[in-house]
């Protein structure tokens, strides 16, 4: 199974991470690998919410 990259911009990922309070850890580690699966799931949910709002306003 291959990993899919580039579905969400790095800027949006960082903004969501800041909102959820995990960006400082990512910045400190220099990697997303220590972000918990729960937080990653919350980030995905937030990205979907943002995408849905964008579609509704088109």
PDB file of N, CA and C in Angstrom:
ATOM      1  N   UNK A   1       0.844  -1.178   0.000  1.00  0.00           N
ATOM      2  CA  UNK A   1       0.000   0.000   0.000  1.00  0.00           C
ATOM      3  C   UNK A   1       0.890   1.242   0.000  1.00  0.00           C
ATOM      4  N   UNK A   2       0.654   2.132  -0.927  1.00  0.00           N
ATOM      5  CA  UNK A   2       1.480   3.335  -1.002  1.00  0.00           C
ATOM      6  C   UNK A   2       0.862   4.468  -0.198  1.00  0.00           C
ATOM      7  N   UNK A   3       1.716   5.365   0.235  1.00  0.00           N
ATOM      8  CA  UNK A   3       1.250   6.534   0.970  1.00  0.00           C
ATOM      9  C   UNK A   3       0.886   7.624  -0.017  1.00  0.00           C
ATOM     10  N   UNK A   4      -0.254   8.252   0.209  1.00  0.00           N
ATOM     11  CA  UNK A   4      -0.699   9.348  -0.641  1.00  0.00           C
ATOM     12  C   UNK A   4      -0.204  10.644  -0.009  1.00  0.00           C
ATOM     13  N   UNK A   5       0.446  11.474  -0.815  1.00  0.00           N
ATOM     14  CA  UNK A   5       0.958  12.752  -0.317  1.00  0.00           C
ATOM     15  C   UNK A   5       0.327  13.893  -1.101  1.00  0.00           C
ATOM     16  N   UNK A   6       0.252  15.037  -0.483  1.00  0.00           N
ATOM     17  CA  UNK A   6      -0.153  16.227  -1.199  1.00  0.00           C
ATOM     18  C   UNK A   6      -1.650  16.472  -1.281  1.00  0.00           C
ATOM     19  N   UNK A   7      -2.456  15.755  -0.506  1.00  0.00           N
ATOM     20  CA  UNK A   7      -3.894  15.989  -0.551  1.00  0.00           C
ATOM     21  C   UNK A   7      -4.295  17.234   0.223  1.00  0.00           C
ATOM     22  N   UNK A   8      -3.458  17.643   1.139  1.00  0.00           N
ATOM     23  CA  UNK A   8      -3.733  18.838   1.938  1.00  0.00           C
ATOM     24  C   UNK A   8      -2.448  19.677   1.939  1.00  0.00           C
ATOM     25  N   UNK A   9      -2.608  20.968   1.773  1.00  0.00           N
ATOM     26  CA  UNK A   9      -1.422  21.816   1.725  1.00  0.00           C
ATOM     27  C   UNK A   9      -0.723  21.845   3.083  1.00  0.00           C
ATOM     28  N   UNK A  10       0.556  22.052   3.038  1.00  0.00           N
ATOM     29  CA  UNK A  10       1.340  22.126   4.271  1.00  0.00           C
ATOM     30  C   UNK A  10       0.855  23.275   5.152  1.00  0.00           C
ATOM     31  N   UNK A  11       0.481  24.392   4.522  1.00  0.00           N
ATOM     32  CA  UNK A  11      -0.011  25.540   5.292  1.00  0.00           C
ATOM     33  C   UNK A  11      -1.295  25.207   6.041  1.00  0.00           C
ATOM     34  N   UNK A  12      -2.234  24.536   5.360  1.00  0.00           N
ATOM     35  CA  UNK A  12      -3.487  24.174   6.006  1.00  0.00           C
ATOM     36  C   UNK A  12      -3.228  23.175   7.127  1.00  0.00           C
ATOM     37  N   UNK A  13      -2.345  22.225   6.881  1.00  0.00           N
ATOM     38  CA  UNK A  13      -2.003  21.236   7.899  1.00  0.00           C
ATOM     39  C   UNK A  13      -1.434  21.927   9.142  1.00  0.00           C
ATOM     40  N   UNK A  14      -0.572  22.905   8.924  1.00  0.00           N
ATOM     41  CA  UNK A  14       0.020  23.636  10.045  1.00  0.00           C
ATOM     42  C   UNK A  14      -1.030  24.444  10.800  1.00  0.00           C
ATOM     43  N   UNK A  15      -1.934  25.097  10.078  1.00  0.00           N
ATOM     44  CA  UNK A  15      -2.983  25.890  10.730  1.00  0.00           C
ATOM     45  C   UNK A  15      -3.891  25.010  11.580  1.00  0.00           C
ATOM     46  N   UNK A  16      -4.260  23.851  11.060  1.00  0.00           N
ATOM     47  CA  UNK A  16      -5.102  22.931  11.824  1.00  0.00           C
ATOM     48  C   UNK A  16      -4.334  22.415  13.040  1.00  0.00           C
ATOM     49  N   UNK A  17      -3.065  22.082  12.868  1.00  0.00           N
ATOM     50  CA  UNK A  17      -2.239  21.609  13.988  1.00  0.00           C
ATOM     51  C   UNK A  17      -2.127  22.676  15.066  1.00  0.00           C
ATOM     52  N   UNK A  18      -1.995  23.927  14.664  1.00  0.00           N
ATOM     53  CA  UNK A  18      -1.944  25.021  15.645  1.00  0.00           C
ATOM     54  C   UNK A  18      -3.261  25.106  16.403  1.00  0.00           C
ATOM     55  N   UNK A  19      -4.368  25.011  15.674  1.00  0.00           N
ATOM     56  CA  UNK A  19      -5.690  25.090  16.293  1.00  0.00           C
ATOM     57  C   UNK A  19      -5.902  23.956  17.297  1.00  0.00           C
ATOM     58  N   UNK A  20      -5.373  22.774  16.997  1.00  0.00           N
ATOM     59  CA  UNK A  20      -5.545  21.619  17.876  1.00  0.00           C
ATOM     60  C   UNK A  20      -4.437  21.502  18.925  1.00  0.00           C
ATOM     61  N   UNK A  21      -3.467  22.414  18.879  1.00  0.00           N
ATOM     62  CA  UNK A  21      -2.429  22.452  19.901  1.00  0.00           C
ATOM     63  C   UNK A  21      -1.310  21.439  19.737  1.00  0.00           C
ATOM     64  N   UNK A  22      -1.087  20.947  18.524  1.00  0.00           N
ATOM     65  CA  UNK A  22       0.003  19.981  18.317  1.00  0.00           C
ATOM     66  C   UNK A  22       1.145  20.545  17.484  1.00  0.00           C
ATOM     67  N   UNK A  23       1.003  21.738  16.961  1.00  0.00           N
ATOM     68  CA  UNK A  23       2.025  22.276  16.066  1.00  0.00           C
ATOM     69  C   UNK A  23       3.361  22.492  16.768  1.00  0.00           C
ATOM     70  N   UNK A  24       3.336  22.915  18.016  1.00  0.00           N
ATOM     71  CA  UNK A  24       4.596  23.130  18.741  1.00  0.00           C
ATOM     72  C   UNK A  24       5.411  21.847  18.820  1.00  0.00           C
ATOM     73  N   UNK A  25       4.725  20.710  19.013  1.00  0.00           N
ATOM     74  CA  UNK A  25       5.418  19.426  19.063  1.00  0.00           C
ATOM     75  C   UNK A  25       6.018  19.090  17.700  1.00  0.00           C
ATOM     76  N   UNK A  26       5.249  19.331  16.642  1.00  0.00           N
ATOM     77  CA  UNK A  26       5.736  19.072  15.280  1.00  0.00           C
ATOM     78  C   UNK A  26       6.947  19.943  14.983  1.00  0.00           C
ATOM     79  N   UNK A  27       6.859  21.202  15.340  1.00  0.00           N
ATOM     80  CA  UNK A  27       7.960  22.138  15.098  1.00  0.00           C
ATOM     81  C   UNK A  27       9.204  21.716  15.889  1.00  0.00           C
ATOM     82  N   UNK A  28       9.002  21.311  17.134  1.00  0.00           N
ATOM     83  CA  UNK A  28      10.121  20.892  17.988  1.00  0.00           C
ATOM     84  C   UNK A  28      10.787  19.626  17.434  1.00  0.00           C
ATOM     85  N   UNK A  29       9.956  18.651  17.021  1.00  0.00           N
ATOM     86  CA  UNK A  29      10.478  17.374  16.522  1.00  0.00           C
ATOM     87  C   UNK A  29      10.958  17.460  15.078  1.00  0.00           C
ATOM     88  N   UNK A  30      10.420  18.420  14.335  1.00  0.00           N
ATOM     89  CA  UNK A  30      10.757  18.520  12.919  1.00  0.00           C
ATOM     90  C   UNK A  30      10.061  17.458  12.082  1.00  0.00           C
ATOM     91  N   UNK A  31       9.040  16.843  12.668  1.00  0.00           N
ATOM     92  CA  UNK A  31       8.354  15.735  11.999  1.00  0.00           C
ATOM     93  C   UNK A  31       6.945  15.580  12.563  1.00  0.00           C
ATOM     94  N   UNK A  32       6.092  14.955  11.771  1.00  0.00           N
ATOM     95  CA  UNK A  32       4.716  14.669  12.207  1.00  0.00           C
ATOM     96  C   UNK A  32       4.615  13.316  12.892  1.00  0.00           C
ATOM     97  N   UNK A  33       5.698  12.555  12.966  1.00  0.00           N
ATOM     98  CA  UNK A  33       5.637  11.163  13.427  1.00  0.00           C
ATOM     99  C   UNK A  33       5.209  11.007  14.886  1.00  0.00           C
ATOM    100  N   UNK A  34       5.394  11.999  15.723  1.00  0.00           N
ATOM    101  CA  UNK A  34       5.019  11.885  17.137  1.00  0.00           C
ATOM    102  C   UNK A  34       3.628  12.420  17.442  1.00  0.00           C
ATOM    103  N   UNK A  35       2.890  12.824  16.420  1.00  0.00           N
ATOM    104  CA  UNK A  35       1.511  13.265  16.621  1.00  0.00           C
ATOM    105  C   UNK A  35       0.654  12.005  16.771  1.00  0.00           C
ATOM    106  N   UNK A  36      -0.151  11.966  17.817  1.00  0.00           N
ATOM    107  CA  UNK A  36      -0.950  10.764  18.086  1.00  0.00           C
ATOM    108  C   UNK A  36      -1.964  10.511  16.978  1.00  0.00           C
ATOM    109  N   UNK A  37      -2.371   9.266  16.860  1.00  0.00           N
ATOM    110  CA  UNK A  37      -3.376   8.917  15.848  1.00  0.00           C
ATOM    111  C   UNK A  37      -4.690   9.619  16.142  1.00  0.00           C
ATOM    112  N   UNK A  38      -5.001   9.853  17.404  1.00  0.00           N
ATOM    113  CA  UNK A  38      -6.222  10.575  17.772  1.00  0.00           C
ATOM    114  C   UNK A  38      -6.168  11.997  17.232  1.00  0.00           C
ATOM    115  N   UNK A  39      -5.041  12.668  17.435  1.00  0.00           N
ATOM    116  CA  UNK A  39      -4.893  14.041  16.937  1.00  0.00           C
ATOM    117  C   UNK A  39      -4.904  14.071  15.408  1.00  0.00           C
ATOM    118  N   UNK A  40      -4.275  13.074  14.776  1.00  0.00           N
ATOM    119  CA  UNK A  40      -4.293  13.000  13.309  1.00  0.00           C
ATOM    120  C   UNK A  40      -5.729  12.854  12.817  1.00  0.00           C
ATOM    121  N   UNK A  41      -6.504  12.028  13.496  1.00  0.00           N
ATOM    122  CA  UNK A  41      -7.912  11.860  13.135  1.00  0.00           C
ATOM    123  C   UNK A  41      -8.685  13.154  13.295  1.00  0.00           C
ATOM    124  N   UNK A  42      -8.393  13.896  14.355  1.00  0.00           N
ATOM    125  CA  UNK A  42      -9.040  15.188  14.559  1.00  0.00           C
ATOM    126  C   UNK A  42      -8.646  16.166  13.457  1.00  0.00           C
ATOM    127  N   UNK A  43      -7.399  16.098  13.016  1.00  0.00           N
ATOM    128  CA  UNK A  43      -6.941  16.969  11.934  1.00  0.00           C
ATOM    129  C   UNK A  43      -7.674  16.641  10.639  1.00  0.00           C
ATOM    130  N   UNK A  44      -7.853  15.355  10.369  1.00  0.00           N
ATOM    131  CA  UNK A  44      -8.578  14.939   9.158  1.00  0.00           C
ATOM    132  C   UNK A  44     -10.019  15.426   9.231  1.00  0.00           C
ATOM    133  N   UNK A  45     -10.649  15.249  10.378  1.00  0.00           N
ATOM    134  CA  UNK A  45     -12.036  15.707  10.547  1.00  0.00           C
ATOM    135  C   UNK A  45     -12.154  17.210  10.314  1.00  0.00           C
ATOM    136  N   UNK A  46     -11.209  17.955  10.840  1.00  0.00           N
ATOM    137  CA  UNK A  46     -11.214  19.413  10.674  1.00  0.00           C
ATOM    138  C   UNK A  46     -10.999  19.785   9.208  1.00  0.00           C
ATOM    139  N   UNK A  47     -10.099  19.095   8.522  1.00  0.00           N
ATOM    140  CA  UNK A  47      -9.850  19.373   7.102  1.00  0.00           C
ATOM    141  C   UNK A  47     -11.103  19.081   6.273  1.00  0.00           C
ATOM    142  N   UNK A  48     -11.804  18.002   6.598  1.00  0.00           N
ATOM    143  CA  UNK A  48     -13.054  17.675   5.889  1.00  0.00           C
ATOM    144  C   UNK A  48     -14.101  18.746   6.149  1.00  0.00           C
ATOM    145  N   UNK A  49     -14.191  19.203   7.387  1.00  0.00           N
ATOM    146  CA  UNK A  49     -15.130  20.278   7.737  1.00  0.00           C
ATOM    147  C   UNK A  49     -14.834  21.541   6.934  1.00  0.00           C
ATOM    148  N   UNK A  50     -13.577  21.901   6.828  1.00  0.00           N
ATOM    149  CA  UNK A  50     -13.173  23.086   6.069  1.00  0.00           C
ATOM    150  C   UNK A  50     -13.509  22.911   4.591  1.00  0.00           C
ATOM    151  N   UNK A  51     -13.231  21.731   4.053  1.00  0.00           N
ATOM    152  CA  UNK A  51     -13.530  21.450   2.638  1.00  0.00           C
ATOM    153  C   UNK A  51     -15.028  21.521   2.375  1.00  0.00           C
ATOM    154  N   UNK A  52     -15.819  20.965   3.274  1.00  0.00           N
ATOM    155  CA  UNK A  52     -17.274  21.008   3.111  1.00  0.00           C
ATOM    156  C   UNK A  52     -17.799  22.442   3.128  1.00  0.00           C
ATOM    157  N   UNK A  53     -17.262  23.271   4.002  1.00  0.00           N
ATOM    158  CA  UNK A  53     -17.675  24.679   4.042  1.00  0.00           C
ATOM    159  C   UNK A  53     -17.312  25.384   2.746  1.00  0.00           C
ATOM    160  N   UNK A  54     -16.138  25.071   2.204  1.00  0.00           N
ATOM    161  CA  UNK A  54     -15.706  25.699   0.958  1.00  0.00           C
ATOM    162  C   UNK A  54     -16.633  25.314  -0.185  1.00  0.00           C
ATOM    163  N   UNK A  55     -17.049  24.057  -0.225  1.00  0.00           N
ATOM    164  CA  UNK A  55     -17.946  23.590  -1.283  1.00  0.00           C
ATOM    165  C   UNK A  55     -19.327  24.248  -1.140  1.00  0.00           C
ATOM    166  N   UNK A  56     -19.797  24.378   0.082  1.00  0.00           N
ATOM    167  CA  UNK A  56     -21.105  24.999   0.331  1.00  0.00           C
ATOM    168  C   UNK A  56     -21.138  26.451  -0.110  1.00  0.00           C
ATOM    169  N   UNK A  57     -20.022  27.120  -0.061  1.00  0.00           N
ATOM    170  CA  UNK A  57     -19.967  28.549  -0.396  1.00  0.00           C
ATOM    171  C   UNK A  57     -19.614  28.824  -1.853  1.00  0.00           C
ATOM    172  N   UNK A  58     -19.539  27.770  -2.662  1.00  0.00           N
ATOM    173  CA  UNK A  58     -19.224  27.979  -4.080  1.00  0.00           C
ATOM    174  C   UNK A  58     -20.468  28.338  -4.852  1.00  0.00           C
TER     175      UNK A  58
END
